[in-house]
Amino acid sequence: MVTDDELEGTTLKVYLYVVKEDRPVGPREVMRGTNLSSPSVAYRHLQKLETLGLLQKDTYGEYVVKEKATIRGHLWIGRNLVPRLIFYSFFFMGILSAEIVIIVIRFLVNERL
């Protein structure tokens, strides 16, 4: 089991990039895709993710996703990691919208009377 402390910062950024690509990627691709300073930095993070058991190296030296990690406070929707609180935001925005519509309707009805 991967802890949130092990999967944070640049390592998380590299992991999310590999998951979104959904194909084997090498260190240079990861470097370009995540705006890292060099391929060796990308390689170090890829190795760390392989050690954690989240990535697997294929015969060509490229990395593929072995397992999707559970990250506290987030949900996987397809290949995207979405904050769990966004669902609460949508729910309360829906309630707010409904209330605004009700107030506008009451205002318009009271104005006609």
PDB file of N, CA and C in Angstrom:
ATOM      1  N   MET A   1       0.852  -1.191   0.000  1.00  0.00           N
ATOM      2  CA  MET A   1       0.000   0.000   0.000  1.00  0.00           C
ATOM      3  C   MET A   1       0.887   1.239   0.000  1.00  0.00           C
ATOM      4  N   VAL A   2       0.608   2.141  -0.896  1.00  0.00           N
ATOM      5  CA  VAL A   2       1.373   3.372  -1.025  1.00  0.00           C
ATOM      6  C   VAL A   2       0.767   4.423  -0.110  1.00  0.00           C
ATOM      7  N   THR A   3       1.623   5.111   0.655  1.00  0.00           N
ATOM      8  CA  THR A   3       1.126   6.183   1.521  1.00  0.00           C
ATOM      9  C   THR A   3       1.155   7.497   0.758  1.00  0.00           C
ATOM     10  N   ASP A   4       0.361   8.450   1.221  1.00  0.00           N
ATOM     11  CA  ASP A   4       0.310   9.757   0.573  1.00  0.00           C
ATOM     12  C   ASP A   4       1.632  10.501   0.692  1.00  0.00           C
ATOM     13  N   ASP A   5       2.421  10.191   1.733  1.00  0.00           N
ATOM     14  CA  ASP A   5       3.711  10.849   1.904  1.00  0.00           C
ATOM     15  C   ASP A   5       4.692  10.445   0.804  1.00  0.00           C
ATOM     16  N   GLU A   6       4.584   9.193   0.335  1.00  0.00           N
ATOM     17  CA  GLU A   6       5.489   8.716  -0.702  1.00  0.00           C
ATOM     18  C   GLU A   6       5.110   9.228  -2.077  1.00  0.00           C
ATOM     19  N   LEU A   7       3.850   9.526  -2.263  1.00  0.00           N
ATOM     20  CA  LEU A   7       3.348   9.937  -3.567  1.00  0.00           C
ATOM     21  C   LEU A   7       2.850  11.380  -3.489  1.00  0.00           C
ATOM     22  N   GLU A   8       3.779  12.307  -3.572  1.00  0.00           N
ATOM     23  CA  GLU A   8       3.436  13.727  -3.516  1.00  0.00           C
ATOM     24  C   GLU A   8       4.412  14.522  -4.351  1.00  0.00           C
ATOM     25  N   GLY A   9       4.094  15.756  -4.608  1.00  0.00           N
ATOM     26  CA  GLY A   9       4.975  16.658  -5.335  1.00  0.00           C
ATOM     27  C   GLY A   9       5.253  16.199  -6.755  1.00  0.00           C
ATOM     28  N   THR A  10       6.521  16.222  -7.125  1.00  0.00           N
ATOM     29  CA  THR A  10       6.934  15.876  -8.480  1.00  0.00           C
ATOM     30  C   THR A  10       6.659  14.411  -8.793  1.00  0.00           C
ATOM     31  N   THR A  11       6.811  13.537  -7.813  1.00  0.00           N
ATOM     32  CA  THR A  11       6.545  12.118  -8.038  1.00  0.00           C
ATOM     33  C   THR A  11       5.083  11.907  -8.407  1.00  0.00           C
ATOM     34  N   LEU A  12       4.175  12.586  -7.742  1.00  0.00           N
ATOM     35  CA  LEU A  12       2.756  12.505  -8.071  1.00  0.00           C
ATOM     36  C   LEU A  12       2.498  13.061  -9.466  1.00  0.00           C
ATOM     37  N   LYS A  13       3.149  14.158  -9.789  1.00  0.00           N
ATOM     38  CA  LYS A  13       3.002  14.785 -11.101  1.00  0.00           C
ATOM     39  C   LYS A  13       3.448  13.820 -12.210  1.00  0.00           C
ATOM     40  N   VAL A  14       4.571  13.139 -11.997  1.00  0.00           N
ATOM     41  CA  VAL A  14       5.073  12.159 -12.965  1.00  0.00           C
ATOM     42  C   VAL A  14       4.098  10.992 -13.076  1.00  0.00           C
ATOM     43  N   TYR A  15       3.597  10.516 -11.942  1.00  0.00           N
ATOM     44  CA  TYR A  15       2.658   9.397 -11.939  1.00  0.00           C
ATOM     45  C   TYR A  15       1.376   9.751 -12.699  1.00  0.00           C
ATOM     46  N   LEU A  16       0.829  10.930 -12.461  1.00  0.00           N
ATOM     47  CA  LEU A  16      -0.387  11.361 -13.150  1.00  0.00           C
ATOM     48  C   LEU A  16      -0.156  11.482 -14.655  1.00  0.00           C
ATOM     49  N   TYR A  17       1.032  11.928 -15.038  1.00  0.00           N
ATOM     50  CA  TYR A  17       1.356  12.029 -16.463  1.00  0.00           C
ATOM     51  C   TYR A  17       1.352  10.649 -17.112  1.00  0.00           C
ATOM     52  N   VAL A  18       1.985   9.676 -16.470  1.00  0.00           N
ATOM     53  CA  VAL A  18       2.051   8.326 -17.028  1.00  0.00           C
ATOM     54  C   VAL A  18       0.650   7.721 -17.117  1.00  0.00           C
ATOM     55  N   VAL A  19      -0.182   7.937 -16.089  1.00  0.00           N
ATOM     56  CA  VAL A  19      -1.555   7.411 -16.110  1.00  0.00           C
ATOM     57  C   VAL A  19      -2.347   8.040 -17.254  1.00  0.00           C
ATOM     58  N   LYS A  20      -2.227   9.353 -17.438  1.00  0.00           N
ATOM     59  CA  LYS A  20      -2.983  10.034 -18.486  1.00  0.00           C
ATOM     60  C   LYS A  20      -2.539   9.614 -19.888  1.00  0.00           C
ATOM     61  N   GLU A  21      -1.274   9.328 -20.063  1.00  0.00           N
ATOM     62  CA  GLU A  21      -0.773   8.913 -21.374  1.00  0.00           C
ATOM     63  C   GLU A  21      -1.320   7.543 -21.766  1.00  0.00           C
ATOM     64  N   ASP A  22      -1.498   6.657 -20.815  1.00  0.00           N
ATOM     65  CA  ASP A  22      -2.076   5.327 -21.038  1.00  0.00           C
ATOM     66  C   ASP A  22      -1.332   4.530 -22.116  1.00  0.00           C
ATOM     67  N   ARG A  23      -0.037   4.701 -22.156  1.00  0.00           N
ATOM     68  CA  ARG A  23       0.836   3.957 -23.063  1.00  0.00           C
ATOM     69  C   ARG A  23       2.239   3.990 -22.468  1.00  0.00           C
ATOM     70  N   PRO A  24       3.133   3.146 -22.956  1.00  0.00           N
ATOM     71  CA  PRO A  24       4.505   3.178 -22.424  1.00  0.00           C
ATOM     72  C   PRO A  24       5.184   4.524 -22.698  1.00  0.00           C
ATOM     73  N   VAL A  25       5.840   5.064 -21.680  1.00  0.00           N
ATOM     74  CA  VAL A  25       6.558   6.339 -21.825  1.00  0.00           C
ATOM     75  C   VAL A  25       7.977   6.193 -21.285  1.00  0.00           C
ATOM     76  N   GLY A  26       8.876   6.958 -21.863  1.00  0.00           N
ATOM     77  CA  GLY A  26      10.260   6.970 -21.423  1.00  0.00           C
ATOM     78  C   GLY A  26      10.572   8.229 -20.630  1.00  0.00           C
ATOM     79  N   PRO A  27      11.772   8.286 -20.068  1.00  0.00           N
ATOM     80  CA  PRO A  27      12.157   9.450 -19.257  1.00  0.00           C
ATOM     81  C   PRO A  27      12.119  10.780 -20.012  1.00  0.00           C
ATOM     82  N   ARG A  28      12.514  10.779 -21.274  1.00  0.00           N
ATOM     83  CA  ARG A  28      12.502  12.039 -22.039  1.00  0.00           C
ATOM     84  C   ARG A  28      11.084  12.557 -22.250  1.00  0.00           C
ATOM     85  N   GLU A  29      10.163  11.655 -22.557  1.00  0.00           N
ATOM     86  CA  GLU A  29       8.764  12.060 -22.706  1.00  0.00           C
ATOM     87  C   GLU A  29       8.213  12.631 -21.411  1.00  0.00           C
ATOM     88  N   VAL A  30       8.530  11.961 -20.313  1.00  0.00           N
ATOM     89  CA  VAL A  30       8.053  12.418 -19.000  1.00  0.00           C
ATOM     90  C   VAL A  30       8.659  13.776 -18.685  1.00  0.00           C
ATOM     91  N   MET A  31       9.941  13.954 -19.002  1.00  0.00           N
ATOM     92  CA  MET A  31      10.605  15.239 -18.758  1.00  0.00           C
ATOM     93  C   MET A  31       9.890  16.356 -19.508  1.00  0.00           C
ATOM     94  N   ARG A  32       9.583  16.120 -20.784  1.00  0.00           N
ATOM     95  CA  ARG A  32       8.902  17.147 -21.589  1.00  0.00           C
ATOM     96  C   ARG A  32       7.466  17.366 -21.117  1.00  0.00           C
ATOM     97  N   GLY A  33       6.776  16.275 -20.811  1.00  0.00           N
ATOM     98  CA  GLY A  33       5.368  16.363 -20.433  1.00  0.00           C
ATOM     99  C   GLY A  33       5.112  16.986 -19.077  1.00  0.00           C
ATOM    100  N   THR A  34       6.093  16.893 -18.181  1.00  0.00           N
ATOM    101  CA  THR A  34       5.910  17.432 -16.830  1.00  0.00           C
ATOM    102  C   THR A  34       6.819  18.631 -16.550  1.00  0.00           C
ATOM    103  N   ASN A  35       7.522  19.102 -17.575  1.00  0.00           N
ATOM    104  CA  ASN A  35       8.413  20.273 -17.470  1.00  0.00           C
ATOM    105  C   ASN A  35       9.498  20.090 -16.410  1.00  0.00           C
ATOM    106  N   LEU A  36      10.130  18.921 -16.414  1.00  0.00           N
ATOM    107  CA  LEU A  36      11.250  18.687 -15.496  1.00  0.00           C
ATOM    108  C   LEU A  36      12.537  19.195 -16.131  1.00  0.00           C
ATOM    109  N   SER A  37      13.567  19.356 -15.313  1.00  0.00           N
ATOM    110  CA  SER A  37      14.803  19.969 -15.788  1.00  0.00           C
ATOM    111  C   SER A  37      15.672  19.041 -16.633  1.00  0.00           C
ATOM    112  N   SER A  38      15.605  17.734 -16.400  1.00  0.00           N
ATOM    113  CA  SER A  38      16.438  16.803 -17.164  1.00  0.00           C
ATOM    114  C   SER A  38      15.820  15.407 -17.165  1.00  0.00           C
ATOM    115  N   PRO A  39      16.247  14.567 -18.120  1.00  0.00           N
ATOM    116  CA  PRO A  39      15.735  13.200 -18.149  1.00  0.00           C
ATOM    117  C   PRO A  39      16.135  12.395 -16.919  1.00  0.00           C
ATOM    118  N   SER A  40      17.259  12.740 -16.303  1.00  0.00           N
ATOM    119  CA  SER A  40      17.689  11.997 -15.116  1.00  0.00           C
ATOM    120  C   SER A  40      16.757  12.243 -13.927  1.00  0.00           C
ATOM    121  N   VAL A  41      16.201  13.446 -13.829  1.00  0.00           N
ATOM    122  CA  VAL A  41      15.229  13.734 -12.774  1.00  0.00           C
ATOM    123  C   VAL A  41      13.960  12.916 -13.018  1.00  0.00           C
ATOM    124  N   ALA A  42      13.517  12.885 -14.277  1.00  0.00           N
ATOM    125  CA  ALA A  42      12.339  12.083 -14.619  1.00  0.00           C
ATOM    126  C   ALA A  42      12.608  10.607 -14.342  1.00  0.00           C
ATOM    127  N   TYR A  43      13.792  10.141 -14.698  1.00  0.00           N
ATOM    128  CA  TYR A  43      14.156   8.735 -14.497  1.00  0.00           C
ATOM    129  C   TYR A  43      14.145   8.370 -13.009  1.00  0.00           C
ATOM    130  N   ARG A  44      14.645   9.283 -12.180  1.00  0.00           N
ATOM    131  CA  ARG A  44      14.661   9.025 -10.739  1.00  0.00           C
ATOM    132  C   ARG A  44      13.243   8.867 -10.193  1.00  0.00           C
ATOM    133  N   HIS A  45      12.324   9.712 -10.643  1.00  0.00           N
ATOM    134  CA  HIS A  45      10.936   9.614 -10.181  1.00  0.00           C
ATOM    135  C   HIS A  45      10.259   8.369 -10.746  1.00  0.00           C
ATOM    136  N   LEU A  46      10.575   8.017 -11.987  1.00  0.00           N
ATOM    137  CA  LEU A  46      10.024   6.786 -12.570  1.00  0.00           C
ATOM    138  C   LEU A  46      10.506   5.559 -11.799  1.00  0.00           C
ATOM    139  N   GLN A  47      11.784   5.561 -11.421  1.00  0.00           N
ATOM    140  CA  GLN A  47      12.319   4.454 -10.621  1.00  0.00           C
ATOM    141  C   GLN A  47      11.639   4.377  -9.257  1.00  0.00           C
ATOM    142  N   LYS A  48      11.402   5.524  -8.657  1.00  0.00           N
ATOM    143  CA  LYS A  48      10.730   5.551  -7.359  1.00  0.00           C
ATOM    144  C   LYS A  48       9.324   4.954  -7.481  1.00  0.00           C
ATOM    145  N   LEU A  49       8.617   5.317  -8.545  1.00  0.00           N
ATOM    146  CA  LEU A  49       7.278   4.784  -8.765  1.00  0.00           C
ATOM    147  C   LEU A  49       7.316   3.289  -9.056  1.00  0.00           C
ATOM    148  N   GLU A  50       8.367   2.835  -9.714  1.00  0.00           N
ATOM    149  CA  GLU A  50       8.527   1.395  -9.958  1.00  0.00           C
ATOM    150  C   GLU A  50       8.796   0.663  -8.647  1.00  0.00           C
ATOM    151  N   THR A  51       9.598   1.253  -7.791  1.00  0.00           N
ATOM    152  CA  THR A  51       9.888   0.664  -6.477  1.00  0.00           C
ATOM    153  C   THR A  51       8.623   0.580  -5.626  1.00  0.00           C
ATOM    154  N   LEU A  52       7.751   1.584  -5.743  1.00  0.00           N
ATOM    155  CA  LEU A  52       6.495   1.594  -4.997  1.00  0.00           C
ATOM    156  C   LEU A  52       5.482   0.596  -5.563  1.00  0.00           C
ATOM    157  N   GLY A  53       5.769   0.050  -6.739  1.00  0.00           N
ATOM    158  CA  GLY A  53       4.884  -0.940  -7.338  1.00  0.00           C
ATOM    159  C   GLY A  53       3.766  -0.347  -8.172  1.00  0.00           C
ATOM    160  N   LEU A  54       3.894   0.930  -8.522  1.00  0.00           N
ATOM    161  CA  LEU A  54       2.849   1.589  -9.308  1.00  0.00           C
ATOM    162  C   LEU A  54       3.125   1.542 -10.801  1.00  0.00           C
ATOM    163  N   LEU A  55       4.394   1.489 -11.176  1.00  0.00           N
ATOM    164  CA  LEU A  55       4.788   1.411 -12.579  1.00  0.00           C
ATOM    165  C   LEU A  55       5.586   0.137 -12.810  1.00  0.00           C
ATOM    166  N   GLN A  56       5.635  -0.232 -14.080  1.00  0.00           N
ATOM    167  CA  GLN A  56       6.389  -1.422 -14.464  1.00  0.00           C
ATOM    168  C   GLN A  56       7.193  -1.075 -15.702  1.00  0.00           C
ATOM    169  N   LYS A  57       8.452  -1.524 -15.740  1.00  0.00           N
ATOM    170  CA  LYS A  57       9.319  -1.251 -16.870  1.00  0.00           C
ATOM    171  C   LYS A  57       9.160  -2.381 -17.887  1.00  0.00           C
ATOM    172  N   ASP A  58       8.959  -2.015 -19.163  1.00  0.00           N
ATOM    173  CA  ASP A  58       8.818  -3.057 -20.177  1.00  0.00           C
ATOM    174  C   ASP A  58      10.173  -3.398 -20.787  1.00  0.00           C
ATOM    175  N   THR A  59      10.175  -4.266 -21.784  1.00  0.00           N
ATOM    176  CA  THR A  59      11.437  -4.738 -22.373  1.00  0.00           C
ATOM    177  C   THR A  59      12.186  -3.650 -23.130  1.00  0.00           C
ATOM    178  N   TYR A  60      11.506  -2.578 -23.503  1.00  0.00           N
ATOM    179  CA  TYR A  60      12.138  -1.472 -24.223  1.00  0.00           C
ATOM    180  C   TYR A  60      12.629  -0.365 -23.297  1.00  0.00           C
ATOM    181  N   GLY A  61      12.487  -0.556 -21.996  1.00  0.00           N
ATOM    182  CA  GLY A  61      12.936   0.441 -21.030  1.00  0.00           C
ATOM    183  C   GLY A  61      11.941   1.553 -20.783  1.00  0.00           C
ATOM    184  N   GLU A  62      10.723   1.358 -21.261  1.00  0.00           N
ATOM    185  CA  GLU A  62       9.683   2.360 -21.038  1.00  0.00           C
ATOM    186  C   GLU A  62       8.783   1.897 -19.896  1.00  0.00           C
ATOM    187  N   TYR A  63       8.066   2.853 -19.318  1.00  0.00           N
ATOM    188  CA  TYR A  63       7.271   2.572 -18.120  1.00  0.00           C
ATOM    189  C   TYR A  63       5.779   2.596 -18.448  1.00  0.00           C
ATOM    190  N   VAL A  64       5.070   1.641 -17.847  1.00  0.00           N
ATOM    191  CA  VAL A  64       3.616   1.561 -17.993  1.00  0.00           C
ATOM    192  C   VAL A  64       3.004   1.447 -16.599  1.00  0.00           C
ATOM    193  N   VAL A  65       1.736   1.833 -16.498  1.00  0.00           N
ATOM    194  CA  VAL A  65       1.039   1.780 -15.213  1.00  0.00           C
ATOM    195  C   VAL A  65       0.769   0.327 -14.846  1.00  0.00           C
ATOM    196  N   LYS A  66       1.168  -0.035 -13.656  1.00  0.00           N
ATOM    197  CA  LYS A  66       0.922  -1.381 -13.137  1.00  0.00           C
ATOM    198  C   LYS A  66      -0.321  -1.383 -12.258  1.00  0.00           C
ATOM    199  N   GLU A  67      -0.485  -0.314 -11.483  1.00  0.00           N
ATOM    200  CA  GLU A  67      -1.589  -0.223 -10.535  1.00  0.00           C
ATOM    201  C   GLU A  67      -1.939   1.247 -10.309  1.00  0.00           C
ATOM    202  N   LYS A  68      -3.236   1.530 -10.208  1.00  0.00           N
ATOM    203  CA  LYS A  68      -3.665   2.889  -9.871  1.00  0.00           C
ATOM    204  C   LYS A  68      -3.650   3.033  -8.358  1.00  0.00           C
ATOM    205  N   ALA A  69      -3.001   4.059  -7.892  1.00  0.00           N
ATOM    206  CA  ALA A  69      -2.879   4.298  -6.453  1.00  0.00           C
ATOM    207  C   ALA A  69      -4.137   4.968  -5.919  1.00  0.00           C
ATOM    208  N   THR A  70      -4.447   4.675  -4.677  1.00  0.00           N
ATOM    209  CA  THR A  70      -5.526   5.362  -3.980  1.00  0.00           C
ATOM    210  C   THR A  70      -4.928   6.580  -3.293  1.00  0.00           C
ATOM    211  N   ILE A  71      -5.431   7.736  -3.639  1.00  0.00           N
ATOM    212  CA  ILE A  71      -4.896   8.982  -3.090  1.00  0.00           C
ATOM    213  C   ILE A  71      -5.990   9.629  -2.261  1.00  0.00           C
ATOM    214  N   ARG A  72      -5.676   9.881  -1.006  1.00  0.00           N
ATOM    215  CA  ARG A  72      -6.666  10.415  -0.062  1.00  0.00           C
ATOM    216  C   ARG A  72      -7.244  11.746  -0.549  1.00  0.00           C
ATOM    217  N   GLY A  73      -8.575  11.833  -0.496  1.00  0.00           N
ATOM    218  CA  GLY A  73      -9.251  13.063  -0.871  1.00  0.00           C
ATOM    219  C   GLY A  73      -9.499  13.201  -2.362  1.00  0.00           C
ATOM    220  N   HIS A  74      -9.193  12.163  -3.143  1.00  0.00           N
ATOM    221  CA  HIS A  74      -9.356  12.208  -4.589  1.00  0.00           C
ATOM    222  C   HIS A  74     -10.017  10.925  -5.084  1.00  0.00           C
ATOM    223  N   LEU A  75     -10.636  11.016  -6.265  1.00  0.00           N
ATOM    224  CA  LEU A  75     -11.245   9.866  -6.917  1.00  0.00           C
ATOM    225  C   LEU A  75     -10.722   9.766  -8.344  1.00  0.00           C
ATOM    226  N   TRP A  76     -10.573   8.548  -8.832  1.00  0.00           N
ATOM    227  CA  TRP A  76     -10.213   8.339 -10.232  1.00  0.00           C
ATOM    228  C   TRP A  76     -11.488   8.319 -11.049  1.00  0.00           C
ATOM    229  N   ILE A  77     -11.572   9.155 -12.057  1.00  0.00           N
ATOM    230  CA  ILE A  77     -12.655   9.124 -13.028  1.00  0.00           C
ATOM    231  C   ILE A  77     -11.980   8.926 -14.374  1.00  0.00           C
ATOM    232  N   GLY A  78     -11.994   7.697 -14.836  1.00  0.00           N
ATOM    233  CA  GLY A  78     -11.239   7.339 -16.035  1.00  0.00           C
ATOM    234  C   GLY A  78      -9.758   7.449 -15.738  1.00  0.00           C
ATOM    235  N   ARG A  79      -9.070   8.272 -16.509  1.00  0.00           N
ATOM    236  CA  ARG A  79      -7.634   8.491 -16.275  1.00  0.00           C
ATOM    237  C   ARG A  79      -7.357   9.809 -15.571  1.00  0.00           C
ATOM    238  N   ASN A  80      -8.398  10.434 -15.036  1.00  0.00           N
ATOM    239  CA  ASN A  80      -8.239  11.731 -14.367  1.00  0.00           C
ATOM    240  C   ASN A  80      -8.435  11.590 -12.867  1.00  0.00           C
ATOM    241  N   LEU A  81      -7.607  12.266 -12.123  1.00  0.00           N
ATOM    242  CA  LEU A  81      -7.702  12.310 -10.669  1.00  0.00           C
ATOM    243  C   LEU A  81      -8.463  13.577 -10.290  1.00  0.00           C
ATOM    244  N   VAL A  82      -9.620  13.391  -9.644  1.00  0.00           N
ATOM    245  CA  VAL A  82     -10.510  14.514  -9.342  1.00  0.00           C
ATOM    246  C   VAL A  82     -10.635  14.658  -7.831  1.00  0.00           C
ATOM    247  N   PRO A  83     -10.506  15.885  -7.305  1.00  0.00           N
ATOM    248  CA  PRO A  83     -10.706  16.081  -5.867  1.00  0.00           C
ATOM    249  C   PRO A  83     -12.126  15.694  -5.458  1.00  0.00           C
ATOM    250  N   ARG A  84     -12.237  15.006  -4.356  1.00  0.00           N
ATOM    251  CA  ARG A  84     -13.537  14.545  -3.872  1.00  0.00           C
ATOM    252  C   ARG A  84     -14.459  15.719  -3.540  1.00  0.00           C
ATOM    253  N   LEU A  85     -13.915  16.812  -3.080  1.00  0.00           N
ATOM    254  CA  LEU A  85     -14.723  17.964  -2.695  1.00  0.00           C
ATOM    255  C   LEU A  85     -15.420  18.626  -3.868  1.00  0.00           C
ATOM    256  N   ILE A  86     -14.995  18.349  -5.083  1.00  0.00           N
ATOM    257  CA  ILE A  86     -15.640  18.954  -6.244  1.00  0.00           C
ATOM    258  C   ILE A  86     -17.092  18.503  -6.357  1.00  0.00           C
ATOM    259  N   PHE A  87     -17.393  17.282  -5.908  1.00  0.00           N
ATOM    260  CA  PHE A  87     -18.768  16.798  -5.959  1.00  0.00           C
ATOM    261  C   PHE A  87     -19.653  17.578  -4.993  1.00  0.00           C
ATOM    262  N   TYR A  88     -19.120  17.905  -3.823  1.00  0.00           N
ATOM    263  CA  TYR A  88     -19.862  18.746  -2.880  1.00  0.00           C
ATOM    264  C   TYR A  88     -20.095  20.123  -3.477  1.00  0.00           C
ATOM    265  N   SER A  89     -19.102  20.654  -4.174  1.00  0.00           N
ATOM    266  CA  SER A  89     -19.243  21.962  -4.814  1.00  0.00           C
ATOM    267  C   SER A  89     -20.376  21.953  -5.832  1.00  0.00           C
ATOM    268  N   PHE A  90     -20.415  20.912  -6.674  1.00  0.00           N
ATOM    269  CA  PHE A  90     -21.493  20.814  -7.668  1.00  0.00           C
ATOM    270  C   PHE A  90     -22.852  20.702  -6.993  1.00  0.00           C
ATOM    271  N   PHE A  91     -22.934  19.931  -5.927  1.00  0.00           N
ATOM    272  CA  PHE A  91     -24.197  19.759  -5.205  1.00  0.00           C
ATOM    273  C   PHE A  91     -24.695  21.088  -4.655  1.00  0.00           C
ATOM    274  N   PHE A  92     -23.822  21.829  -3.966  1.00  0.00           N
ATOM    275  CA  PHE A  92     -24.236  23.095  -3.372  1.00  0.00           C
ATOM    276  C   PHE A  92     -24.469  24.181  -4.427  1.00  0.00           C
ATOM    277  N   MET A  93     -23.743  24.125  -5.537  1.00  0.00           N
ATOM    278  CA  MET A  93     -24.016  25.071  -6.624  1.00  0.00           C
ATOM    279  C   MET A  93     -25.392  24.791  -7.227  1.00  0.00           C
ATOM    280  N   GLY A  94     -25.774  23.527  -7.310  1.00  0.00           N
ATOM    281  CA  GLY A  94     -27.105  23.173  -7.793  1.00  0.00           C
ATOM    282  C   GLY A  94     -28.187  23.696  -6.875  1.00  0.00           C
ATOM    283  N   ILE A  95     -27.990  23.541  -5.579  1.00  0.00           N
ATOM    284  CA  ILE A  95     -28.957  24.060  -4.609  1.00  0.00           C
ATOM    285  C   ILE A  95     -29.040  25.582  -4.697  1.00  0.00           C
ATOM    286  N   LEU A  96     -27.907  26.246  -4.788  1.00  0.00           N
ATOM    287  CA  LEU A  96     -27.888  27.702  -4.916  1.00  0.00           C
ATOM    288  C   LEU A  96     -28.623  28.156  -6.172  1.00  0.00           C
ATOM    289  N   SER A  97     -28.386  27.475  -7.288  1.00  0.00           N
ATOM    290  CA  SER A  97     -29.067  27.821  -8.545  1.00  0.00           C
ATOM    291  C   SER A  97     -30.575  27.659  -8.410  1.00  0.00           C
ATOM    292  N   ALA A  98     -31.000  26.565  -7.788  1.00  0.00           N
ATOM    293  CA  ALA A  98     -32.432  26.332  -7.591  1.00  0.00           C
ATOM    294  C   ALA A  98     -33.039  27.435  -6.726  1.00  0.00           C
ATOM    295  N   GLU A  99     -32.349  27.826  -5.678  1.00  0.00           N
ATOM    296  CA  GLU A  99     -32.838  28.895  -4.800  1.00  0.00           C
ATOM    297  C   GLU A  99     -32.949  30.218  -5.549  1.00  0.00           C
ATOM    298  N   ILE A 100     -31.981  30.515  -6.379  1.00  0.00           N
ATOM    299  CA  ILE A 100     -32.016  31.763  -7.149  1.00  0.00           C
ATOM    300  C   ILE A 100     -33.205  31.758  -8.100  1.00  0.00           C
ATOM    301  N   VAL A 101     -33.443  30.626  -8.757  1.00  0.00           N
ATOM    302  CA  VAL A 101     -34.589  30.515  -9.663  1.00  0.00           C
ATOM    303  C   VAL A 101     -35.890  30.713  -8.891  1.00  0.00           C
ATOM    304  N   ILE A 102     -36.012  30.097  -7.728  1.00  0.00           N
ATOM    305  CA  ILE A 102     -37.223  30.241  -6.909  1.00  0.00           C
ATOM    306  C   ILE A 102     -37.430  31.693  -6.491  1.00  0.00           C
ATOM    307  N   ILE A 103     -36.376  32.371  -6.081  1.00  0.00           N
ATOM    308  CA  ILE A 103     -36.487  33.771  -5.670  1.00  0.00           C
ATOM    309  C   ILE A 103     -36.900  34.655  -6.842  1.00  0.00           C
ATOM    310  N   VAL A 104     -36.315  34.422  -8.021  1.00  0.00           N
ATOM    311  CA  VAL A 104     -36.661  35.221  -9.202  1.00  0.00           C
ATOM    312  C   VAL A 104     -38.120  34.993  -9.578  1.00  0.00           C
ATOM    313  N   ILE A 105     -38.573  33.750  -9.549  1.00  0.00           N
ATOM    314  CA  ILE A 105     -39.971  33.457  -9.880  1.00  0.00           C
ATOM    315  C   ILE A 105     -40.911  34.139  -8.890  1.00  0.00           C
ATOM    316  N   ARG A 106     -40.612  34.053  -7.604  1.00  0.00           N
ATOM    317  CA  ARG A 106     -41.461  34.724  -6.591  1.00  0.00           C
ATOM    318  C   ARG A 106     -41.476  36.228  -6.799  1.00  0.00           C
ATOM    319  N   PHE A 107     -40.326  36.801  -7.122  1.00  0.00           N
ATOM    320  CA  PHE A 107     -40.239  38.241  -7.355  1.00  0.00           C
ATOM    321  C   PHE A 107     -41.107  38.643  -8.541  1.00  0.00           C
ATOM    322  N   LEU A 108     -41.033  37.873  -9.620  1.00  0.00           N
ATOM    323  CA  LEU A 108     -41.824  38.188 -10.810  1.00  0.00           C
ATOM    324  C   LEU A 108     -43.319  38.002 -10.558  1.00  0.00           C
ATOM    325  N   VAL A 109     -43.692  36.980  -9.791  1.00  0.00           N
ATOM    326  CA  VAL A 109     -45.103  36.742  -9.486  1.00  0.00           C
ATOM    327  C   VAL A 109     -45.630  37.846  -8.563  1.00  0.00           C
ATOM    328  N   ASN A 110     -44.895  38.250  -7.572  1.00  0.00           N
ATOM    329  CA  ASN A 110     -45.322  39.310  -6.650  1.00  0.00           C
ATOM    330  C   ASN A 110     -45.400  40.656  -7.335  1.00  0.00           C
ATOM    331  N   GLU A 111     -44.607  40.883  -8.352  1.00  0.00           N
ATOM    332  CA  GLU A 111     -44.615  42.148  -9.073  1.00  0.00           C
ATOM    333  C   GLU A 111     -45.893  42.291  -9.899  1.00  0.00           C
ATOM    334  N   ARG A 112     -46.397  41.191 -10.394  1.00  0.00           N
ATOM    335  CA  ARG A 112     -47.626  41.208 -11.208  1.00  0.00           C
ATOM    336  C   ARG A 112     -48.874  41.441 -10.357  1.00  0.00           C
ATOM    337  N   LEU A 113     -48.815  41.088  -9.106  1.00  0.00           N
ATOM    338  CA  LEU A 113     -49.996  41.243  -8.233  1.00  0.00           C
ATOM    339  C   LEU A 113     -50.139  42.619  -7.734  1.00  0.00           C
TER     340      LEU A 113
END
